[in-house]
Each structure stands twice: as C-alpha cells, then as structure tokens.
Amino acid sequence: MKRSIYHKFVLTLLMVLLSVNSIYSQSRVIQGKVIYDDDLEPIIGAWIFVNDSIKVGETGIDGCFQIETKIPVNKLSFWYVGMENADLRLSENCNQIELIMISDATYDFMSFRKINKIRRKIYKNLPRLHKEAYEKGIFQSPEACYTQEFFEYK
C-alpha cells in the first residue's frame, strides 16, 4: 500500500514539474514595422530592447523586425538616432507592433512647459498617423495594440 502512494506522489510531482517547465520554456514571437512620423518611411537599424535592458534586435532595411524571446515581455523600447525613444507597454496578446517614431527636435530658447505642449500635441496625433499608414497599406491594422508612454522633459 505504501509503495502505491509513493508512486502516485512521484508521478504527480513529475507531472507538475514538467508542466511548469513547459510554461516557462515557451517563447514569444513579436514582429512588426517601424516608420518615421514625417513621411511614413521605414526606419532602418532602430534598436529594440525588452524590459528596458536587453537588446533583442533591430529593424531591417524595410523597417520590419521579428524577435523571439523566452522571458516575459511587458515593455518594448525602440531607440534610433535623431528620434525620441519609444517605450511601449504591451498587452498579453500584442504580437504585431506597428510603430511610428517621432523626430527628436531641437527646441532652442523654449521653456520645458512649451516644449512638452508641442510634444504632447505630436503624441496625440499618433493614432491619426497610424490610421493613415493603415489606409496607405503600410500597416496591417488601423490602430495600435499597445500603449505608448509620454514622458515630459524636465
């Protein structure tokens, strides 16, 4: 009788360990396209970071990318020279990223308040630009599946 309980315990423990291992070993594939806000042209060579710290790839000649990661991803960051960094919060089922990066302008002789007012206006225009890119066939969906964070200059 003791042997049968022991076998059941070992079998149950083994099944739990295997299921936990399979959950944590699943990878997530995220793909998409990155374009400029001015002319909706692709951005070549933008760096892609997961959770602010791990560089996982960069965009290709057509602005497209595909990354595969085994770590949980809730934030993607895109960096490119001359553009504002884009920090995106992903929903759980957001695996198709279509991003419009904003030019990092030089604001000479302006207060931070005025600069942030200009930048906020540009950010509020992003959904319209996304829809325009969709209508031109650049993007596959009419709206983004992520939220983009706006950080004020201080």
C-alpha atoms as a PDB file:
ATOM      1  CA  MET A   1       0.000   0.000   0.000  1.00  0.00           C
ATOM      2  CA  LYS A   2       2.798   2.442   0.890  1.00  0.00           C
ATOM      3  CA  ARG A   3       4.513   1.760  -2.409  1.00  0.00           C
ATOM      4  CA  SER A   4       1.388   2.717  -4.395  1.00  0.00           C
ATOM      5  CA  ILE A   5       1.062   6.051  -2.527  1.00  0.00           C
ATOM      6  CA  TYR A   6       4.751   6.716  -3.101  1.00  0.00           C
ATOM      7  CA  HIS A   7       4.415   6.034  -6.857  1.00  0.00           C
ATOM      8  CA  LYS A   8       1.389   8.347  -7.094  1.00  0.00           C
ATOM      9  CA  PHE A   9       3.264  11.088  -5.264  1.00  0.00           C
ATOM     10  CA  VAL A  10       6.327  10.770  -7.514  1.00  0.00           C
ATOM     11  CA  LEU A  11       4.173  10.665 -10.648  1.00  0.00           C
ATOM     12  CA  THR A  12       2.210  13.742  -9.559  1.00  0.00           C
ATOM     13  CA  LEU A  13       5.388  15.633  -8.705  1.00  0.00           C
ATOM     14  CA  LEU A  14       6.913  14.731 -12.068  1.00  0.00           C
ATOM     15  CA  MET A  15       3.813  15.931 -13.948  1.00  0.00           C
ATOM     16  CA  VAL A  16       3.805  19.253 -12.062  1.00  0.00           C
ATOM     17  CA  LEU A  17       7.491  19.837 -12.767  1.00  0.00           C
ATOM     18  CA  LEU A  18       7.065  19.056 -16.466  1.00  0.00           C
ATOM     19  CA  SER A  19       4.074  21.368 -16.822  1.00  0.00           C
ATOM     20  CA  VAL A  20       5.888  24.237 -15.044  1.00  0.00           C
ATOM     21  CA  ASN A  21       8.909  23.682 -17.287  1.00  0.00           C
ATOM     22  CA  SER A  22       6.788  23.794 -20.440  1.00  0.00           C
ATOM     23  CA  ILE A  23       5.078  27.002 -19.314  1.00  0.00           C
ATOM     24  CA  TYR A  24       8.374  28.779 -18.688  1.00  0.00           C
ATOM     25  CA  SER A  25      10.109  27.460 -21.794  1.00  0.00           C
ATOM     26  CA  GLN A  26       7.505  28.825 -24.200  1.00  0.00           C
ATOM     27  CA  SER A  27       8.815  31.606 -26.355  1.00  0.00           C
ATOM     28  CA  ARG A  28       7.008  34.645 -27.657  1.00  0.00           C
ATOM     29  CA  VAL A  29       7.489  35.904 -31.198  1.00  0.00           C
ATOM     30  CA  ILE A  30       6.908  39.623 -31.729  1.00  0.00           C
ATOM     31  CA  GLN A  31       7.135  41.182 -35.156  1.00  0.00           C
ATOM     32  CA  GLY A  32       6.302  44.489 -36.727  1.00  0.00           C
ATOM     33  CA  LYS A  33       7.352  47.598 -38.572  1.00  0.00           C
ATOM     34  CA  VAL A  34       8.796  50.953 -37.523  1.00  0.00           C
ATOM     35  CA  ILE A  35       8.368  54.147 -39.571  1.00  0.00           C
ATOM     36  CA  TYR A  36       9.084  57.904 -39.368  1.00  0.00           C
ATOM     37  CA  ASP A  37       6.380  60.347 -38.325  1.00  0.00           C
ATOM     38  CA  ASP A  38       7.282  62.854 -41.062  1.00  0.00           C
ATOM     39  CA  ASP A  39       6.957  60.807 -44.245  1.00  0.00           C
ATOM     40  CA  LEU A  40       5.851  57.331 -43.041  1.00  0.00           C
ATOM     41  CA  GLU A  41       9.046  55.810 -44.496  1.00  0.00           C
ATOM     42  CA  PRO A  42      10.712  52.805 -42.803  1.00  0.00           C
ATOM     43  CA  ILE A  43      13.377  53.287 -40.146  1.00  0.00           C
ATOM     44  CA  ILE A  44      16.423  51.133 -40.824  1.00  0.00           C
ATOM     45  CA  GLY A  45      18.507  49.929 -37.876  1.00  0.00           C
ATOM     46  CA  ALA A  46      16.375  51.008 -34.910  1.00  0.00           C
ATOM     47  CA  TRP A  47      17.444  49.125 -31.787  1.00  0.00           C
ATOM     48  CA  ILE A  48      14.873  47.061 -29.913  1.00  0.00           C
ATOM     49  CA  PHE A  49      15.104  46.458 -26.164  1.00  0.00           C
ATOM     50  CA  VAL A  50      12.972  44.232 -23.933  1.00  0.00           C
ATOM     51  CA  ASN A  51      12.051  45.464 -20.450  1.00  0.00           C
ATOM     52  CA  ASP A  52      14.468  48.440 -20.745  1.00  0.00           C
ATOM     53  CA  SER A  53      17.666  46.441 -20.591  1.00  0.00           C
ATOM     54  CA  ILE A  54      18.109  43.597 -23.062  1.00  0.00           C
ATOM     55  CA  LYS A  55      18.822  44.400 -26.723  1.00  0.00           C
ATOM     56  CA  VAL A  56      16.998  41.757 -28.733  1.00  0.00           C
ATOM     57  CA  GLY A  57      17.257  43.049 -32.275  1.00  0.00           C
ATOM     58  CA  GLU A  58      16.954  45.879 -34.745  1.00  0.00           C
ATOM     59  CA  THR A  59      14.836  46.796 -37.717  1.00  0.00           C
ATOM     60  CA  GLY A  60      15.829  45.729 -41.208  1.00  0.00           C
ATOM     61  CA  ILE A  61      16.073  47.621 -44.481  1.00  0.00           C
ATOM     62  CA  ASP A  62      12.283  47.687 -44.812  1.00  0.00           C
ATOM     63  CA  GLY A  63      11.758  48.825 -41.195  1.00  0.00           C
ATOM     64  CA  CYS A  64      10.479  45.378 -40.248  1.00  0.00           C
ATOM     65  CA  PHE A  65      11.656  43.221 -37.374  1.00  0.00           C
ATOM     66  CA  GLN A  66      10.979  39.886 -35.742  1.00  0.00           C
ATOM     67  CA  ILE A  67      12.185  38.936 -32.275  1.00  0.00           C
ATOM     68  CA  GLU A  68      11.765  35.770 -30.263  1.00  0.00           C
ATOM     69  CA  THR A  69      12.145  35.814 -26.519  1.00  0.00           C
ATOM     70  CA  LYS A  70      11.653  33.308 -23.724  1.00  0.00           C
ATOM     71  CA  ILE A  71      11.467  35.925 -20.974  1.00  0.00           C
ATOM     72  CA  PRO A  72       8.135  37.571 -20.156  1.00  0.00           C
ATOM     73  CA  VAL A  73       7.765  40.759 -22.192  1.00  0.00           C
ATOM     74  CA  ASN A  74       5.598  43.617 -20.999  1.00  0.00           C
ATOM     75  CA  LYS A  75       7.633  46.511 -22.344  1.00  0.00           C
ATOM     76  CA  LEU A  76       9.489  47.137 -25.603  1.00  0.00           C
ATOM     77  CA  SER A  77      11.714  50.141 -26.226  1.00  0.00           C
ATOM     78  CA  PHE A  78      12.878  51.402 -29.607  1.00  0.00           C
ATOM     79  CA  TRP A  79      15.925  53.643 -29.967  1.00  0.00           C
ATOM     80  CA  TYR A  80      17.183  55.436 -33.055  1.00  0.00           C
ATOM     81  CA  VAL A  81      19.484  58.428 -33.588  1.00  0.00           C
ATOM     82  CA  GLY A  82      17.501  61.612 -34.204  1.00  0.00           C
ATOM     83  CA  MET A  83      14.262  60.103 -32.894  1.00  0.00           C
ATOM     84  CA  GLU A  84      12.628  60.133 -29.469  1.00  0.00           C
ATOM     85  CA  ASN A  85      12.888  56.795 -27.700  1.00  0.00           C
ATOM     86  CA  ALA A  86       9.597  54.921 -27.911  1.00  0.00           C
ATOM     87  CA  ASP A  87       8.588  52.992 -24.792  1.00  0.00           C
ATOM     88  CA  LEU A  88       5.643  50.675 -25.405  1.00  0.00           C
ATOM     89  CA  ARG A  89       3.521  48.784 -22.866  1.00  0.00           C
ATOM     90  CA  LEU A  90       2.314  45.575 -24.484  1.00  0.00           C
ATOM     91  CA  SER A  91      -0.907  43.767 -23.798  1.00  0.00           C
ATOM     92  CA  GLU A  92      -0.646  39.992 -23.420  1.00  0.00           C
ATOM     93  CA  ASN A  93      -1.796  39.219 -26.971  1.00  0.00           C
ATOM     94  CA  CYS A  94       0.021  42.096 -28.702  1.00  0.00           C
ATOM     95  CA  ASN A  95       2.498  40.357 -31.004  1.00  0.00           C
ATOM     96  CA  GLN A  96       2.227  42.652 -34.052  1.00  0.00           C
ATOM     97  CA  ILE A  97       3.868  46.037 -33.361  1.00  0.00           C
ATOM     98  CA  GLU A  98       3.372  48.850 -35.838  1.00  0.00           C
ATOM     99  CA  LEU A  99       5.201  51.905 -34.531  1.00  0.00           C
ATOM    100  CA  ILE A 100       5.582  55.491 -35.660  1.00  0.00           C
ATOM    101  CA  MET A 101       8.682  57.085 -34.142  1.00  0.00           C
ATOM    102  CA  ILE A 102       8.764  60.824 -33.515  1.00  0.00           C
ATOM    103  CA  SER A 103      11.623  63.090 -34.583  1.00  0.00           C
ATOM    104  CA  ASP A 104      13.723  64.338 -31.695  1.00  0.00           C
ATOM    105  CA  ALA A 105      13.640  68.041 -32.482  1.00  0.00           C
ATOM    106  CA  THR A 106      15.889  70.715 -31.032  1.00  0.00           C
ATOM    107  CA  TYR A 107      13.882  73.246 -29.085  1.00  0.00           C
ATOM    108  CA  ASP A 108      16.086  76.316 -28.712  1.00  0.00           C
ATOM    109  CA  PHE A 109      15.124  79.038 -26.277  1.00  0.00           C
ATOM    110  CA  MET A 110      11.843  77.440 -25.157  1.00  0.00           C
ATOM    111  CA  SER A 111      10.641  76.568 -21.703  1.00  0.00           C
ATOM    112  CA  PHE A 112      10.060  72.919 -20.811  1.00  0.00           C
ATOM    113  CA  ARG A 113       6.371  73.731 -20.473  1.00  0.00           C
ATOM    114  CA  LYS A 114       6.156  74.919 -24.091  1.00  0.00           C
ATOM    115  CA  ILE A 115       8.297  72.033 -25.359  1.00  0.00           C
ATOM    116  CA  ASN A 116       6.070  69.483 -23.599  1.00  0.00           C
ATOM    117  CA  LYS A 117       2.964  71.167 -25.028  1.00  0.00           C
ATOM    118  CA  ILE A 118       4.356  70.764 -28.565  1.00  0.00           C
ATOM    119  CA  ARG A 119       5.445  67.168 -27.942  1.00  0.00           C
ATOM    120  CA  ARG A 120       2.084  66.233 -26.363  1.00  0.00           C
ATOM    121  CA  LYS A 121       0.306  67.544 -29.470  1.00  0.00           C
ATOM    122  CA  ILE A 122       2.506  65.321 -31.656  1.00  0.00           C
ATOM    123  CA  TYR A 123       1.790  62.284 -29.439  1.00  0.00           C
ATOM    124  CA  LYS A 124      -1.952  62.940 -29.640  1.00  0.00           C
ATOM    125  CA  ASN A 125      -1.627  62.890 -33.443  1.00  0.00           C
ATOM    126  CA  LEU A 126      -0.098  59.378 -33.499  1.00  0.00           C
ATOM    127  CA  PRO A 127      -3.445  57.476 -33.751  1.00  0.00           C
ATOM    128  CA  ARG A 128      -4.375  59.551 -36.829  1.00  0.00           C
ATOM    129  CA  LEU A 129      -0.969  58.855 -38.405  1.00  0.00           C
ATOM    130  CA  HIS A 130      -1.343  55.149 -37.603  1.00  0.00           C
ATOM    131  CA  LYS A 131      -4.701  55.061 -39.364  1.00  0.00           C
ATOM    132  CA  GLU A 132      -3.196  56.932 -42.332  1.00  0.00           C
ATOM    133  CA  ALA A 133      -0.385  54.366 -42.561  1.00  0.00           C
ATOM    134  CA  TYR A 134      -3.016  51.612 -42.484  1.00  0.00           C
ATOM    135  CA  GLU A 135      -5.018  53.245 -45.280  1.00  0.00           C
ATOM    136  CA  LYS A 136      -1.847  53.528 -47.403  1.00  0.00           C
ATOM    137  CA  GLY A 137      -1.125  49.808 -46.869  1.00  0.00           C
ATOM    138  CA  ILE A 138       1.976  50.402 -44.743  1.00  0.00           C
ATOM    139  CA  PHE A 139       0.437  48.921 -41.579  1.00  0.00           C
ATOM    140  CA  GLN A 140      -1.802  45.859 -41.252  1.00  0.00           C
ATOM    141  CA  SER A 141      -4.124  47.166 -38.527  1.00  0.00           C
ATOM    142  CA  PRO A 142      -5.942  50.514 -38.188  1.00  0.00           C
ATOM    143  CA  GLU A 143      -4.876  51.025 -34.562  1.00  0.00           C
ATOM    144  CA  ALA A 144      -2.072  50.020 -32.225  1.00  0.00           C
ATOM    145  CA  CYS A 145      -2.380  47.130 -29.753  1.00  0.00           C
ATOM    146  CA  TYR A 146      -0.003  48.764 -27.267  1.00  0.00           C
ATOM    147  CA  THR A 147       0.152  51.950 -25.239  1.00  0.00           C
ATOM    148  CA  GLN A 148       2.989  54.371 -25.771  1.00  0.00           C
ATOM    149  CA  GLU A 149       4.248  56.238 -22.765  1.00  0.00           C
ATOM    150  CA  PHE A 150       4.723  60.014 -22.864  1.00  0.00           C
ATOM    151  CA  PHE A 151       7.454  61.418 -20.654  1.00  0.00           C
ATOM    152  CA  GLU A 152       7.689  65.142 -20.099  1.00  0.00           C
ATOM    153  CA  TYR A 153      11.016  66.919 -20.338  1.00  0.00           C
ATOM    154  CA  LYS A 154      12.077  68.398 -17.013  1.00  0.00           C
END
